[in-house]
Amino acid sequence: MKRRRELGQEYTMRSGGVAPARSRADRRQCKSKGKECAVFSEVDRLLILQHRWKLSWSEKRNFVYGLVDRDNVGRKRSVNDEKKKENVPSDTTIRYYLKIKYQRKPVRLKMFVNTTGLSKHFNVSLNK
């Protein structure tokens, strides 16, 4: 059971239910100027997903963190209004990349998560 889960294959949970095999989500159209989502074909995305699932848990973590950059925000803005303090931007900027032919190409978060097969809560766990 554990081995099948680690490999991303379909497995039976302890509760008796069946967990589906991991798969990549659909590609969305990327309209951002600085992002190169269109460079990756479906074959490239499949190879990235298969490569990630062949790794051990610690290697997967290092693989993902190697494709993510965190930079400090260059200019912090002060917020005086109490209502606006709830929506203060974070202290870091997070940039996501995917590798193609040994080059890191910037992509959107959604493309990164869909291609690597991560959960939708990945961004939350990265910020902690």
C-alpha atoms as a PDB file:
ATOM      1  CA  MET A   1       0.000   0.000   0.000  1.00  0.00           C
ATOM      2  CA  LYS A   2       2.692   2.488   1.014  1.00  0.00           C
ATOM      3  CA  ARG A   3       4.909   1.642  -1.956  1.00  0.00           C
ATOM      4  CA  ARG A   4       2.056   2.093  -4.435  1.00  0.00           C
ATOM      5  CA  ARG A   5       1.224   5.457  -2.857  1.00  0.00           C
ATOM      6  CA  GLU A   6       4.859   6.589  -3.105  1.00  0.00           C
ATOM      7  CA  LEU A   7       4.943   5.625  -6.781  1.00  0.00           C
ATOM      8  CA  GLY A   8       1.744   7.540  -7.492  1.00  0.00           C
ATOM      9  CA  GLN A   9      -0.221   4.420  -8.397  1.00  0.00           C
ATOM     10  CA  GLU A  10      -3.779   3.542  -7.401  1.00  0.00           C
ATOM     11  CA  TYR A  11      -3.959   1.993  -3.912  1.00  0.00           C
ATOM     12  CA  THR A  12      -6.462   0.883  -1.271  1.00  0.00           C
ATOM     13  CA  MET A  13      -6.704   3.143   1.767  1.00  0.00           C
ATOM     14  CA  ARG A  14      -6.982   1.874   5.347  1.00  0.00           C
ATOM     15  CA  SER A  15     -10.624   2.902   5.395  1.00  0.00           C
ATOM     16  CA  GLY A  16     -11.250   0.559   2.461  1.00  0.00           C
ATOM     17  CA  GLY A  17     -11.648   3.240  -0.200  1.00  0.00           C
ATOM     18  CA  VAL A  18      -9.574   3.375  -3.342  1.00  0.00           C
ATOM     19  CA  ALA A  19      -7.277   6.343  -3.916  1.00  0.00           C
ATOM     20  CA  PRO A  20      -6.869   7.164  -7.619  1.00  0.00           C
ATOM     21  CA  ALA A  21      -3.481   7.226  -9.319  1.00  0.00           C
ATOM     22  CA  ARG A  22      -1.712  10.569  -9.475  1.00  0.00           C
ATOM     23  CA  SER A  23      -2.069  12.417 -12.740  1.00  0.00           C
ATOM     24  CA  ARG A  24      -1.343  15.856 -14.013  1.00  0.00           C
ATOM     25  CA  ALA A  25      -4.165  18.324 -14.408  1.00  0.00           C
ATOM     26  CA  ASP A  26      -5.127  20.038 -17.640  1.00  0.00           C
ATOM     27  CA  ARG A  27      -3.031  22.817 -19.054  1.00  0.00           C
ATOM     28  CA  ARG A  28      -4.540  26.266 -18.891  1.00  0.00           C
ATOM     29  CA  GLN A  29      -3.831  29.107 -21.271  1.00  0.00           C
ATOM     30  CA  CYS A  30      -1.085  31.360 -19.951  1.00  0.00           C
ATOM     31  CA  LYS A  31      -1.447  34.997 -20.902  1.00  0.00           C
ATOM     32  CA  SER A  32       1.363  36.368 -18.727  1.00  0.00           C
ATOM     33  CA  LYS A  33       4.180  38.089 -20.592  1.00  0.00           C
ATOM     34  CA  GLY A  34       7.019  36.901 -18.373  1.00  0.00           C
ATOM     35  CA  LYS A  35       5.886  33.286 -18.108  1.00  0.00           C
ATOM     36  CA  GLU A  36       6.844  30.592 -20.593  1.00  0.00           C
ATOM     37  CA  CYS A  37       4.054  28.072 -20.048  1.00  0.00           C
ATOM     38  CA  ALA A  38       3.529  27.560 -23.791  1.00  0.00           C
ATOM     39  CA  VAL A  39       7.078  26.204 -24.221  1.00  0.00           C
ATOM     40  CA  PHE A  40       6.144  22.942 -22.483  1.00  0.00           C
ATOM     41  CA  SER A  41       4.418  20.301 -24.578  1.00  0.00           C
ATOM     42  CA  GLU A  42       2.219  17.588 -23.072  1.00  0.00           C
ATOM     43  CA  VAL A  43       5.094  15.119 -23.494  1.00  0.00           C
ATOM     44  CA  ASP A  44       7.450  17.406 -21.558  1.00  0.00           C
ATOM     45  CA  ARG A  45       4.905  17.779 -18.773  1.00  0.00           C
ATOM     46  CA  LEU A  46       4.400  14.015 -18.597  1.00  0.00           C
ATOM     47  CA  LEU A  47       8.168  13.425 -18.361  1.00  0.00           C
ATOM     48  CA  ILE A  48       8.441  15.932 -15.500  1.00  0.00           C
ATOM     49  CA  LEU A  49       5.605  14.219 -13.628  1.00  0.00           C
ATOM     50  CA  GLN A  50       7.075  10.737 -14.158  1.00  0.00           C
ATOM     51  CA  HIS A  51      10.525  11.912 -13.066  1.00  0.00           C
ATOM     52  CA  ARG A  52       9.105  13.399  -9.861  1.00  0.00           C
ATOM     53  CA  TRP A  53       7.247  10.209  -8.961  1.00  0.00           C
ATOM     54  CA  LYS A  54      10.377   8.066  -9.375  1.00  0.00           C
ATOM     55  CA  LEU A  55      12.104   9.983  -6.566  1.00  0.00           C
ATOM     56  CA  SER A  56      12.008   9.245  -2.831  1.00  0.00           C
ATOM     57  CA  TRP A  57      10.126  11.619  -0.511  1.00  0.00           C
ATOM     58  CA  SER A  58      13.209  13.645   0.416  1.00  0.00           C
ATOM     59  CA  GLU A  59      14.322  13.793  -3.229  1.00  0.00           C
ATOM     60  CA  LYS A  60      10.824  14.974  -4.241  1.00  0.00           C
ATOM     61  CA  ARG A  61      11.005  17.780  -1.696  1.00  0.00           C
ATOM     62  CA  ASN A  62      14.445  18.851  -2.947  1.00  0.00           C
ATOM     63  CA  PHE A  63      13.261  18.599  -6.565  1.00  0.00           C
ATOM     64  CA  VAL A  64      10.318  20.917  -5.888  1.00  0.00           C
ATOM     65  CA  TYR A  65      12.275  23.403  -3.769  1.00  0.00           C
ATOM     66  CA  GLY A  66      14.962  23.500  -6.460  1.00  0.00           C
ATOM     67  CA  LEU A  67      12.347  24.831  -8.877  1.00  0.00           C
ATOM     68  CA  VAL A  68      11.051  27.534  -6.535  1.00  0.00           C
ATOM     69  CA  ASP A  69      12.796  30.832  -5.748  1.00  0.00           C
ATOM     70  CA  ARG A  70      11.915  33.059  -2.837  1.00  0.00           C
ATOM     71  CA  ASP A  71      13.075  36.670  -2.994  1.00  0.00           C
ATOM     72  CA  ASN A  72      12.620  39.451  -0.504  1.00  0.00           C
ATOM     73  CA  VAL A  73      10.299  42.216  -1.579  1.00  0.00           C
ATOM     74  CA  GLY A  74      12.334  45.170  -2.789  1.00  0.00           C
ATOM     75  CA  ARG A  75      10.128  47.930  -1.445  1.00  0.00           C
ATOM     76  CA  LYS A  76       7.759  47.501   1.457  1.00  0.00           C
ATOM     77  CA  ARG A  77       4.787  49.819   1.649  1.00  0.00           C
ATOM     78  CA  SER A  78       3.386  51.018   4.938  1.00  0.00           C
ATOM     79  CA  VAL A  79      -0.307  50.546   5.624  1.00  0.00           C
ATOM     80  CA  ASN A  80      -2.058  53.023   7.912  1.00  0.00           C
ATOM     81  CA  ASP A  81      -5.678  52.025   7.457  1.00  0.00           C
ATOM     82  CA  GLU A  82      -6.901  49.204   9.755  1.00  0.00           C
ATOM     83  CA  LYS A  83      -9.030  47.641   6.999  1.00  0.00           C
ATOM     84  CA  LYS A  84      -6.094  47.470   4.612  1.00  0.00           C
ATOM     85  CA  LYS A  85      -3.802  45.801   7.176  1.00  0.00           C
ATOM     86  CA  GLU A  86      -5.609  42.513   6.580  1.00  0.00           C
ATOM     87  CA  ASN A  87      -4.484  42.499   2.939  1.00  0.00           C
ATOM     88  CA  VAL A  88      -0.830  43.420   3.443  1.00  0.00           C
ATOM     89  CA  PRO A  89       1.395  41.675   0.877  1.00  0.00           C
ATOM     90  CA  SER A  90       3.914  39.156   2.168  1.00  0.00           C
ATOM     91  CA  ASP A  91       7.591  39.869   2.710  1.00  0.00           C
ATOM     92  CA  THR A  92       8.665  37.486  -0.051  1.00  0.00           C
ATOM     93  CA  THR A  93       8.025  36.991  -3.728  1.00  0.00           C
ATOM     94  CA  ILE A  94       7.761  33.383  -4.854  1.00  0.00           C
ATOM     95  CA  ARG A  95       8.746  32.446  -8.417  1.00  0.00           C
ATOM     96  CA  TYR A  96       8.043  29.042  -9.958  1.00  0.00           C
ATOM     97  CA  TYR A  97      10.088  27.339 -12.676  1.00  0.00           C
ATOM     98  CA  LEU A  98      10.028  24.114 -14.672  1.00  0.00           C
ATOM     99  CA  LYS A  99      13.087  22.620 -16.344  1.00  0.00           C
ATOM    100  CA  ILE A 100      13.297  21.841 -20.023  1.00  0.00           C
ATOM    101  CA  LYS A 101      16.626  20.807 -21.553  1.00  0.00           C
ATOM    102  CA  TYR A 102      18.493  21.805 -18.361  1.00  0.00           C
ATOM    103  CA  GLN A 103      17.082  25.348 -18.437  1.00  0.00           C
ATOM    104  CA  ARG A 104      14.681  26.743 -15.880  1.00  0.00           C
ATOM    105  CA  LYS A 105      11.713  28.469 -17.481  1.00  0.00           C
ATOM    106  CA  PRO A 106       9.387  30.679 -15.396  1.00  0.00           C
ATOM    107  CA  VAL A 107       5.786  29.451 -15.204  1.00  0.00           C
ATOM    108  CA  ARG A 108       2.603  30.336 -13.341  1.00  0.00           C
ATOM    109  CA  LEU A 109       1.810  28.692 -10.010  1.00  0.00           C
ATOM    110  CA  LYS A 110      -1.158  26.851 -11.532  1.00  0.00           C
ATOM    111  CA  MET A 111       0.997  25.392 -14.318  1.00  0.00           C
ATOM    112  CA  PHE A 112       3.690  24.407 -11.798  1.00  0.00           C
ATOM    113  CA  VAL A 113       1.219  22.649  -9.498  1.00  0.00           C
ATOM    114  CA  ASN A 114      -0.638  20.925 -12.353  1.00  0.00           C
ATOM    115  CA  THR A 115       2.537  19.669 -14.022  1.00  0.00           C
ATOM    116  CA  THR A 116       4.279  18.354 -10.906  1.00  0.00           C
ATOM    117  CA  GLY A 117       1.121  16.737  -9.527  1.00  0.00           C
ATOM    118  CA  LEU A 118       1.179  18.670  -6.269  1.00  0.00           C
ATOM    119  CA  SER A 119      -1.922  19.395  -4.242  1.00  0.00           C
ATOM    120  CA  LYS A 120      -3.698  22.729  -4.416  1.00  0.00           C
ATOM    121  CA  HIS A 121      -2.459  23.456  -0.869  1.00  0.00           C
ATOM    122  CA  PHE A 122       1.179  23.496  -1.983  1.00  0.00           C
ATOM    123  CA  ASN A 123       1.502  27.284  -1.897  1.00  0.00           C
ATOM    124  CA  VAL A 124       0.224  27.430   1.680  1.00  0.00           C
ATOM    125  CA  SER A 125       2.724  24.823   2.864  1.00  0.00           C
ATOM    126  CA  LEU A 126       5.573  26.606   1.070  1.00  0.00           C
ATOM    127  CA  ASN A 127       4.944  29.863   2.912  1.00  0.00           C
ATOM    128  CA  LYS A 128       5.320  28.267   6.354  1.00  0.00           C
END
